[in-house]
Amino acid sequence: MAKGLYSVVLMVLLSACASNPPVVVAPKPVVVPPMLKPQPPKWSESNLLSFHDQWKGTPYRLGGLSRNGIDCSGFVYLAYLDIVGDKLPRTVNAQRTLGKDVPRNQLIIGDLVFFKTGRTTRHVGIYMGQDKFLHASTKKGVKISSLNNVYWKPRYWFAKRLKNPTEQQNMSLASLVDYAQYQD
């Protein structure tokens, strides 16, 4: 009888061990960064060409701010508002006080380029890359010109970079990969 009792106790004990669920260690959760919709840089040649197409041929008019006539600082003001979504001051003199100076050999798309066109007259445009800039010309209205043009080259004054919307607005693929790696 003792052997039978020992067998029953042994079976109860063994069955009790078997009824405990095995301990499972959950894997470390993987943190996935939010998916960002890739967006082209706000200042891009294609955005500037599109803006140019909307305004091409609009005549110059001092103080103008419409398709009936526009001046250079008004054109830059509207381009910045339309493409970047921020407001700039309305005049060349006020626009030239913004941002940081950029050497001519370091210009990037979206930099503002300034010219001395007379003793007290100033002009502003938006750099498009490849030594071209978009502006409202006093003689031909809204157009694209070359910084190396015989008229503009000797009148070039300086350039300003207001900010780099691309860095502020988008995370690069490399930074997303870095983000994911540091979450381990």
C-alpha atoms as a PDB file:
ATOM      1  CA  MET A   1       0.000   0.000   0.000  1.00  0.00           C
ATOM      2  CA  ALA A   2       2.875   2.305   0.722  1.00  0.00           C
ATOM      3  CA  LYS A   3       4.146   1.649  -2.758  1.00  0.00           C
ATOM      4  CA  GLY A   4       0.733   2.545  -4.217  1.00  0.00           C
ATOM      5  CA  LEU A   5       0.528   5.710  -2.131  1.00  0.00           C
ATOM      6  CA  TYR A   6       4.042   6.654  -3.177  1.00  0.00           C
ATOM      7  CA  SER A   7       3.095   6.160  -6.814  1.00  0.00           C
ATOM      8  CA  VAL A   8      -0.035   8.332  -6.491  1.00  0.00           C
ATOM      9  CA  VAL A   9       1.881  11.117  -4.705  1.00  0.00           C
ATOM     10  CA  LEU A  10       4.605  10.928  -7.350  1.00  0.00           C
ATOM     11  CA  MET A  11       2.034  11.180 -10.162  1.00  0.00           C
ATOM     12  CA  VAL A  12       0.289  14.145  -8.518  1.00  0.00           C
ATOM     13  CA  LEU A  13       3.573  15.946  -8.083  1.00  0.00           C
ATOM     14  CA  LEU A  14       4.692  15.259 -11.635  1.00  0.00           C
ATOM     15  CA  SER A  15       1.349  16.240 -13.087  1.00  0.00           C
ATOM     16  CA  ALA A  16       1.398  19.455 -11.084  1.00  0.00           C
ATOM     17  CA  CYS A  17       4.750  20.373 -12.617  1.00  0.00           C
ATOM     18  CA  ALA A  18       3.456  19.606 -16.058  1.00  0.00           C
ATOM     19  CA  SER A  19       0.428  21.850 -15.629  1.00  0.00           C
ATOM     20  CA  ASN A  20       2.488  24.992 -15.075  1.00  0.00           C
ATOM     21  CA  PRO A  21       2.805  26.925 -18.324  1.00  0.00           C
ATOM     22  CA  PRO A  22       6.360  27.322 -19.531  1.00  0.00           C
ATOM     23  CA  VAL A  23       7.921  30.718 -18.888  1.00  0.00           C
ATOM     24  CA  VAL A  24       8.259  32.629 -22.156  1.00  0.00           C
ATOM     25  CA  VAL A  25      10.509  35.655 -22.404  1.00  0.00           C
ATOM     26  CA  ALA A  26       9.028  38.158 -24.801  1.00  0.00           C
ATOM     27  CA  PRO A  27      11.423  39.556 -27.385  1.00  0.00           C
ATOM     28  CA  LYS A  28      12.473  43.172 -26.999  1.00  0.00           C
ATOM     29  CA  PRO A  29       9.972  45.385 -28.838  1.00  0.00           C
ATOM     30  CA  VAL A  30      11.227  46.975 -32.019  1.00  0.00           C
ATOM     31  CA  VAL A  31      10.619  50.704 -32.234  1.00  0.00           C
ATOM     32  CA  VAL A  32       9.877  51.740 -35.789  1.00  0.00           C
ATOM     33  CA  PRO A  33      10.098  55.441 -36.613  1.00  0.00           C
ATOM     34  CA  PRO A  34       6.984  56.992 -38.113  1.00  0.00           C
ATOM     35  CA  MET A  35       6.888  56.826 -41.870  1.00  0.00           C
ATOM     36  CA  LEU A  36       7.416  60.194 -43.409  1.00  0.00           C
ATOM     37  CA  LYS A  37       6.046  60.949 -46.811  1.00  0.00           C
ATOM     38  CA  PRO A  38       9.044  61.952 -48.896  1.00  0.00           C
ATOM     39  CA  GLN A  39       8.640  65.546 -49.945  1.00  0.00           C
ATOM     40  CA  PRO A  40      10.740  67.434 -52.419  1.00  0.00           C
ATOM     41  CA  PRO A  41      12.691  70.311 -50.965  1.00  0.00           C
ATOM     42  CA  LYS A  42      10.648  73.469 -50.900  1.00  0.00           C
ATOM     43  CA  TRP A  43      13.358  75.346 -52.759  1.00  0.00           C
ATOM     44  CA  SER A  44      13.975  73.225 -55.807  1.00  0.00           C
ATOM     45  CA  GLU A  45      14.593  74.008 -59.427  1.00  0.00           C
ATOM     46  CA  SER A  46      11.269  72.409 -60.359  1.00  0.00           C
ATOM     47  CA  ASN A  47       9.340  74.472 -57.782  1.00  0.00           C
ATOM     48  CA  LEU A  48      11.032  77.661 -58.983  1.00  0.00           C
ATOM     49  CA  LEU A  49      10.381  76.782 -62.645  1.00  0.00           C
ATOM     50  CA  SER A  50       6.733  76.157 -61.823  1.00  0.00           C
ATOM     51  CA  PHE A  51       6.515  79.512 -60.038  1.00  0.00           C
ATOM     52  CA  HIS A  52       8.249  81.142 -63.015  1.00  0.00           C
ATOM     53  CA  ASP A  53       5.688  79.599 -65.384  1.00  0.00           C
ATOM     54  CA  GLN A  54       2.870  81.178 -63.354  1.00  0.00           C
ATOM     55  CA  TRP A  55       4.482  84.640 -63.460  1.00  0.00           C
ATOM     56  CA  LYS A  56       6.468  84.588 -66.722  1.00  0.00           C
ATOM     57  CA  GLY A  57       6.063  87.796 -68.669  1.00  0.00           C
ATOM     58  CA  THR A  58       4.365  89.701 -65.841  1.00  0.00           C
ATOM     59  CA  PRO A  59       5.562  93.276 -66.387  1.00  0.00           C
ATOM     60  CA  TYR A  60       7.641  95.199 -63.885  1.00  0.00           C
ATOM     61  CA  ARG A  61       5.801  97.812 -61.855  1.00  0.00           C
ATOM     62  CA  LEU A  62       7.403  99.546 -58.881  1.00  0.00           C
ATOM     63  CA  GLY A  63       5.365  98.660 -55.790  1.00  0.00           C
ATOM     64  CA  GLY A  64       3.327  96.108 -57.756  1.00  0.00           C
ATOM     65  CA  LEU A  65       2.236  92.851 -56.227  1.00  0.00           C
ATOM     66  CA  SER A  66      -0.037  91.300 -58.853  1.00  0.00           C
ATOM     67  CA  ARG A  67       0.044  89.797 -62.328  1.00  0.00           C
ATOM     68  CA  ASN A  68      -0.732  93.268 -63.671  1.00  0.00           C
ATOM     69  CA  GLY A  69       2.744  94.325 -62.510  1.00  0.00           C
ATOM     70  CA  ILE A  70       5.282  93.375 -59.866  1.00  0.00           C
ATOM     71  CA  ASP A  71       8.625  94.645 -58.631  1.00  0.00           C
ATOM     72  CA  CYS A  72      11.639  92.529 -57.708  1.00  0.00           C
ATOM     73  CA  SER A  73      11.162  92.472 -53.922  1.00  0.00           C
ATOM     74  CA  GLY A  74       7.433  91.850 -54.332  1.00  0.00           C
ATOM     75  CA  PHE A  75       8.210  88.912 -56.580  1.00  0.00           C
ATOM     76  CA  VAL A  76      10.640  87.454 -54.014  1.00  0.00           C
ATOM     77  CA  TYR A  77       8.084  88.118 -51.270  1.00  0.00           C
ATOM     78  CA  LEU A  78       5.369  86.186 -53.162  1.00  0.00           C
ATOM     79  CA  ALA A  79       7.712  83.356 -54.210  1.00  0.00           C
ATOM     80  CA  TYR A  80       8.839  82.846 -50.641  1.00  0.00           C
ATOM     81  CA  LEU A  81       5.244  82.918 -49.397  1.00  0.00           C
ATOM     82  CA  ASP A  82       4.044  80.497 -52.094  1.00  0.00           C
ATOM     83  CA  ILE A  83       6.939  78.019 -52.063  1.00  0.00           C
ATOM     84  CA  VAL A  84       8.186  78.135 -48.459  1.00  0.00           C
ATOM     85  CA  GLY A  85       5.035  79.350 -46.738  1.00  0.00           C
ATOM     86  CA  ASP A  86       6.746  82.107 -44.752  1.00  0.00           C
ATOM     87  CA  LYS A  87       6.471  85.875 -45.055  1.00  0.00           C
ATOM     88  CA  LEU A  88       9.411  88.108 -45.812  1.00  0.00           C
ATOM     89  CA  PRO A  89       9.659  91.856 -45.524  1.00  0.00           C
ATOM     90  CA  ARG A  90       8.367  93.605 -48.635  1.00  0.00           C
ATOM     91  CA  THR A  91      11.380  95.741 -49.670  1.00  0.00           C
ATOM     92  CA  VAL A  92      14.873  94.955 -50.964  1.00  0.00           C
ATOM     93  CA  ASN A  93      16.450  96.929 -48.111  1.00  0.00           C
ATOM     94  CA  ALA A  94      14.529  94.944 -45.507  1.00  0.00           C
ATOM     95  CA  GLN A  95      15.118  91.599 -47.260  1.00  0.00           C
ATOM     96  CA  ARG A  96      18.866  92.187 -47.413  1.00  0.00           C
ATOM     97  CA  THR A  97      19.109  92.372 -43.609  1.00  0.00           C
ATOM     98  CA  LEU A  98      17.832  88.803 -43.156  1.00  0.00           C
ATOM     99  CA  GLY A  99      19.734  85.531 -43.031  1.00  0.00           C
ATOM    100  CA  LYS A 100      23.430  84.955 -43.315  1.00  0.00           C
ATOM    101  CA  ASP A 101      25.874  86.014 -46.003  1.00  0.00           C
ATOM    102  CA  VAL A 102      26.827  83.338 -48.512  1.00  0.00           C
ATOM    103  CA  PRO A 103      29.905  83.479 -50.759  1.00  0.00           C
ATOM    104  CA  ARG A 104      28.994  83.410 -54.432  1.00  0.00           C
ATOM    105  CA  ASN A 105      30.806  80.108 -54.974  1.00  0.00           C
ATOM    106  CA  GLN A 106      28.635  78.474 -52.265  1.00  0.00           C
ATOM    107  CA  LEU A 107      25.186  79.493 -53.510  1.00  0.00           C
ATOM    108  CA  ILE A 108      22.404  76.924 -53.308  1.00  0.00           C
ATOM    109  CA  ILE A 109      18.905  76.955 -54.742  1.00  0.00           C
ATOM    110  CA  GLY A 110      16.704  79.407 -52.846  1.00  0.00           C
ATOM    111  CA  ASP A 111      19.434  81.824 -51.769  1.00  0.00           C
ATOM    112  CA  LEU A 112      18.547  85.463 -52.340  1.00  0.00           C
ATOM    113  CA  VAL A 113      20.941  87.277 -54.663  1.00  0.00           C
ATOM    114  CA  PHE A 114      21.317  91.058 -54.456  1.00  0.00           C
ATOM    115  CA  PHE A 115      22.598  93.549 -57.002  1.00  0.00           C
ATOM    116  CA  LYS A 116      23.558  97.220 -57.049  1.00  0.00           C
ATOM    117  CA  THR A 117      21.898  98.473 -60.214  1.00  0.00           C
ATOM    118  CA  GLY A 118      22.439 102.172 -59.638  1.00  0.00           C
ATOM    119  CA  ARG A 119      23.912 104.611 -57.169  1.00  0.00           C
ATOM    120  CA  THR A 120      21.077 103.964 -54.720  1.00  0.00           C
ATOM    121  CA  THR A 121      19.037 101.341 -56.598  1.00  0.00           C
ATOM    122  CA  ARG A 122      19.083  97.710 -55.497  1.00  0.00           C
ATOM    123  CA  HIS A 123      17.684  94.527 -57.027  1.00  0.00           C
ATOM    124  CA  VAL A 124      16.915  91.045 -55.639  1.00  0.00           C
ATOM    125  CA  GLY A 125      16.277  87.627 -57.156  1.00  0.00           C
ATOM    126  CA  ILE A 126      16.204  83.949 -56.159  1.00  0.00           C
ATOM    127  CA  TYR A 127      19.122  81.699 -57.056  1.00  0.00           C
ATOM    128  CA  MET A 128      18.087  78.646 -59.125  1.00  0.00           C
ATOM    129  CA  GLY A 129      21.380  76.807 -59.466  1.00  0.00           C
ATOM    130  CA  GLN A 130      23.756  76.677 -62.435  1.00  0.00           C
ATOM    131  CA  ASP A 131      24.433  80.441 -62.120  1.00  0.00           C
ATOM    132  CA  LYS A 132      20.787  81.309 -62.909  1.00  0.00           C
ATOM    133  CA  PHE A 133      18.380  83.394 -60.890  1.00  0.00           C
ATOM    134  CA  LEU A 134      14.664  84.162 -61.069  1.00  0.00           C
ATOM    135  CA  HIS A 135      13.562  87.787 -60.746  1.00  0.00           C
ATOM    136  CA  ALA A 136      11.320  90.599 -61.952  1.00  0.00           C
ATOM    137  CA  SER A 137      13.355  92.537 -64.497  1.00  0.00           C
ATOM    138  CA  THR A 138      12.544  96.222 -65.009  1.00  0.00           C
ATOM    139  CA  LYS A 139      12.688  95.826 -68.806  1.00  0.00           C
ATOM    140  CA  LYS A 140      11.349  92.303 -69.445  1.00  0.00           C
ATOM    141  CA  GLY A 141       9.273  91.474 -66.363  1.00  0.00           C
ATOM    142  CA  VAL A 142       9.505  88.126 -64.603  1.00  0.00           C
ATOM    143  CA  LYS A 143      12.287  86.061 -66.109  1.00  0.00           C
ATOM    144  CA  ILE A 144      15.301  83.841 -65.512  1.00  0.00           C
ATOM    145  CA  SER A 145      18.730  85.430 -65.993  1.00  0.00           C
ATOM    146  CA  SER A 146      22.339  84.352 -65.647  1.00  0.00           C
ATOM    147  CA  LEU A 147      24.606  85.717 -62.938  1.00  0.00           C
ATOM    148  CA  ASN A 148      27.282  85.754 -65.653  1.00  0.00           C
ATOM    149  CA  ASN A 149      25.214  87.962 -67.959  1.00  0.00           C
ATOM    150  CA  VAL A 150      27.173  91.051 -69.078  1.00  0.00           C
ATOM    151  CA  TYR A 151      24.663  93.266 -67.254  1.00  0.00           C
ATOM    152  CA  TRP A 152      24.293  91.294 -63.992  1.00  0.00           C
ATOM    153  CA  LYS A 153      27.840  90.037 -63.423  1.00  0.00           C
ATOM    154  CA  PRO A 154      29.425  93.421 -62.590  1.00  0.00           C
ATOM    155  CA  ARG A 155      26.381  94.437 -60.527  1.00  0.00           C
ATOM    156  CA  TYR A 156      26.339  91.368 -58.281  1.00  0.00           C
ATOM    157  CA  TRP A 157      26.509  92.583 -54.672  1.00  0.00           C
ATOM    158  CA  PHE A 158      26.045  89.638 -52.262  1.00  0.00           C
ATOM    159  CA  ALA A 159      23.763  86.715 -51.401  1.00  0.00           C
ATOM    160  CA  LYS A 160      21.827  85.669 -48.314  1.00  0.00           C
ATOM    161  CA  ARG A 161      20.617  82.296 -47.101  1.00  0.00           C
ATOM    162  CA  LEU A 162      17.525  82.661 -44.988  1.00  0.00           C
ATOM    163  CA  LYS A 163      17.216  79.045 -43.887  1.00  0.00           C
ATOM    164  CA  ASN A 164      17.401  75.578 -45.305  1.00  0.00           C
ATOM    165  CA  PRO A 165      13.812  74.258 -45.413  1.00  0.00           C
ATOM    166  CA  THR A 166      14.983  70.886 -46.655  1.00  0.00           C
ATOM    167  CA  GLU A 167      16.861  70.109 -43.422  1.00  0.00           C
ATOM    168  CA  GLN A 168      14.059  71.406 -41.242  1.00  0.00           C
ATOM    169  CA  GLN A 169      11.223  69.721 -43.067  1.00  0.00           C
ATOM    170  CA  ASN A 170      12.524  66.273 -44.007  1.00  0.00           C
ATOM    171  CA  MET A 171      14.416  63.506 -42.267  1.00  0.00           C
ATOM    172  CA  SER A 172      16.805  61.863 -44.697  1.00  0.00           C
ATOM    173  CA  LEU A 173      16.779  58.123 -45.256  1.00  0.00           C
ATOM    174  CA  ALA A 174      20.173  57.935 -43.534  1.00  0.00           C
ATOM    175  CA  SER A 175      18.824  59.649 -40.418  1.00  0.00           C
ATOM    176  CA  LEU A 176      15.858  57.244 -40.338  1.00  0.00           C
ATOM    177  CA  VAL A 177      18.274  54.295 -40.468  1.00  0.00           C
ATOM    178  CA  ASP A 178      20.391  55.869 -37.694  1.00  0.00           C
ATOM    179  CA  TYR A 179      17.236  56.396 -35.632  1.00  0.00           C
ATOM    180  CA  ALA A 180      16.230  52.745 -36.008  1.00  0.00           C
ATOM    181  CA  GLN A 181      19.725  51.489 -35.123  1.00  0.00           C
ATOM    182  CA  TYR A 182      19.919  53.532 -31.935  1.00  0.00           C
ATOM    183  CA  GLN A 183      16.605  52.085 -30.733  1.00  0.00           C
ATOM    184  CA  ASP A 184      18.212  48.614 -30.263  1.00  0.00           C
END
